[in-house]
Amino acid sequence: MLTTRTPITVDDLFRLDWLEDPRCSPDGAWVAFVRVAVDRLRNRYRRSIWLAPADGATAPRRFTAGPAGGALRGAGHLPGR
């Protein structure tokens, strides 16, 4: 079966989100990460910190919200200590 490939467009790139700066809690039970999305209207990135169980038992949950809510470095300790 042949499929037709369509090229990635600039609009596609603006819809992509990605993760950065994953950190594990000291006991290994949790993973915190920064989710990055493009705010095309404001011409900037929006970051938020998310927290997920390392075993994947439940869905990740948003830990911060707002335009400046996404830096894990220097943010203190994760749960599990």
Protein backbone atom coordinates (compact mmCIF):
# COMPACT_ATOMS: atom_id res chain seq x y z
CA MET A 1 0.00 0.00 0.00
CA LEU A 2 1.41 3.35 -1.02
CA THR A 3 0.78 6.43 1.06
CA THR A 4 1.17 10.01 0.00
CA ARG A 5 3.51 12.00 2.18
CA THR A 6 2.80 15.61 2.89
CA PRO A 7 5.60 17.96 3.87
CA ILE A 8 5.71 19.58 7.29
CA THR A 9 4.54 23.16 7.19
CA VAL A 10 5.34 26.15 9.39
CA ASP A 11 1.85 25.83 10.87
CA ASP A 12 2.64 22.23 11.87
CA LEU A 13 5.75 23.38 13.71
CA PHE A 14 3.79 25.97 15.67
CA ARG A 15 1.44 23.22 16.89
CA LEU A 16 4.25 21.04 18.26
CA ASP A 17 4.86 20.87 22.01
CA TRP A 18 7.99 19.35 23.47
CA LEU A 19 9.48 18.38 26.82
CA GLU A 20 12.71 19.53 28.39
CA ASP A 21 14.71 19.32 31.60
CA PRO A 22 13.32 16.04 33.07
CA ARG A 23 14.20 15.47 36.74
CA CYS A 24 13.62 12.40 38.91
CA SER A 25 12.70 12.63 42.57
CA PRO A 26 15.31 11.27 45.02
CA ASP A 27 13.30 8.08 45.58
CA GLY A 28 12.68 7.59 41.84
CA ALA A 29 8.90 7.65 42.21
CA TRP A 30 8.26 10.94 40.36
CA VAL A 31 9.45 12.69 37.24
CA ALA A 32 9.10 16.44 36.80
CA PHE A 33 9.53 17.99 33.38
CA VAL A 34 8.95 21.24 31.56
CA ARG A 35 6.41 21.22 28.72
CA VAL A 36 7.07 23.89 26.08
CA ALA A 37 4.46 25.21 23.67
CA VAL A 38 4.68 28.01 21.13
CA ASP A 39 2.40 30.98 21.67
CA ARG A 40 2.24 32.13 18.08
CA LEU A 41 0.08 35.19 18.75
CA ARG A 42 2.47 36.58 21.37
CA ASN A 43 5.59 35.33 19.55
CA ARG A 44 7.04 33.49 22.55
CA TYR A 45 7.31 30.11 24.23
CA ARG A 46 5.03 29.11 27.10
CA ARG A 47 6.52 26.76 29.68
CA SER A 48 4.81 24.84 32.46
CA ILE A 49 6.08 22.27 34.93
CA TRP A 50 4.39 18.88 34.94
CA LEU A 51 4.67 16.05 37.46
CA ALA A 52 4.19 12.37 36.60
CA PRO A 53 4.64 9.10 38.46
CA ALA A 54 7.70 7.28 37.13
CA ASP A 55 5.74 4.04 36.77
CA GLY A 56 3.18 5.68 34.47
CA ALA A 57 0.29 4.58 36.70
CA THR A 58 -1.57 7.87 36.25
CA ALA A 59 -1.49 10.69 33.75
CA PRO A 60 0.93 13.59 34.26
CA ARG A 61 -0.56 16.62 35.98
CA ARG A 62 0.24 20.25 35.51
CA PHE A 63 2.14 21.66 38.45
CA THR A 64 2.44 25.31 37.39
CA ALA A 65 0.50 27.65 35.12
CA GLY A 66 1.04 31.10 33.70
CA PRO A 67 3.51 32.77 31.38
CA ALA A 68 6.57 32.29 33.62
CA GLY A 69 5.78 28.92 35.19
CA GLY A 70 8.43 26.67 33.83
CA ALA A 71 11.90 26.43 35.33
CA LEU A 72 12.99 23.32 37.20
CA ARG A 73 16.57 24.35 37.84
CA GLY A 74 16.76 25.85 41.29
CA ALA A 75 13.08 25.10 41.92
CA GLY A 76 13.67 23.13 45.11
CA HIS A 77 13.08 19.46 45.80
CA LEU A 78 10.68 17.01 44.23
CA PRO A 79 8.40 14.84 46.38
CA GLY A 80 9.72 11.59 47.77
CA ARG A 81 12.40 12.76 50.11
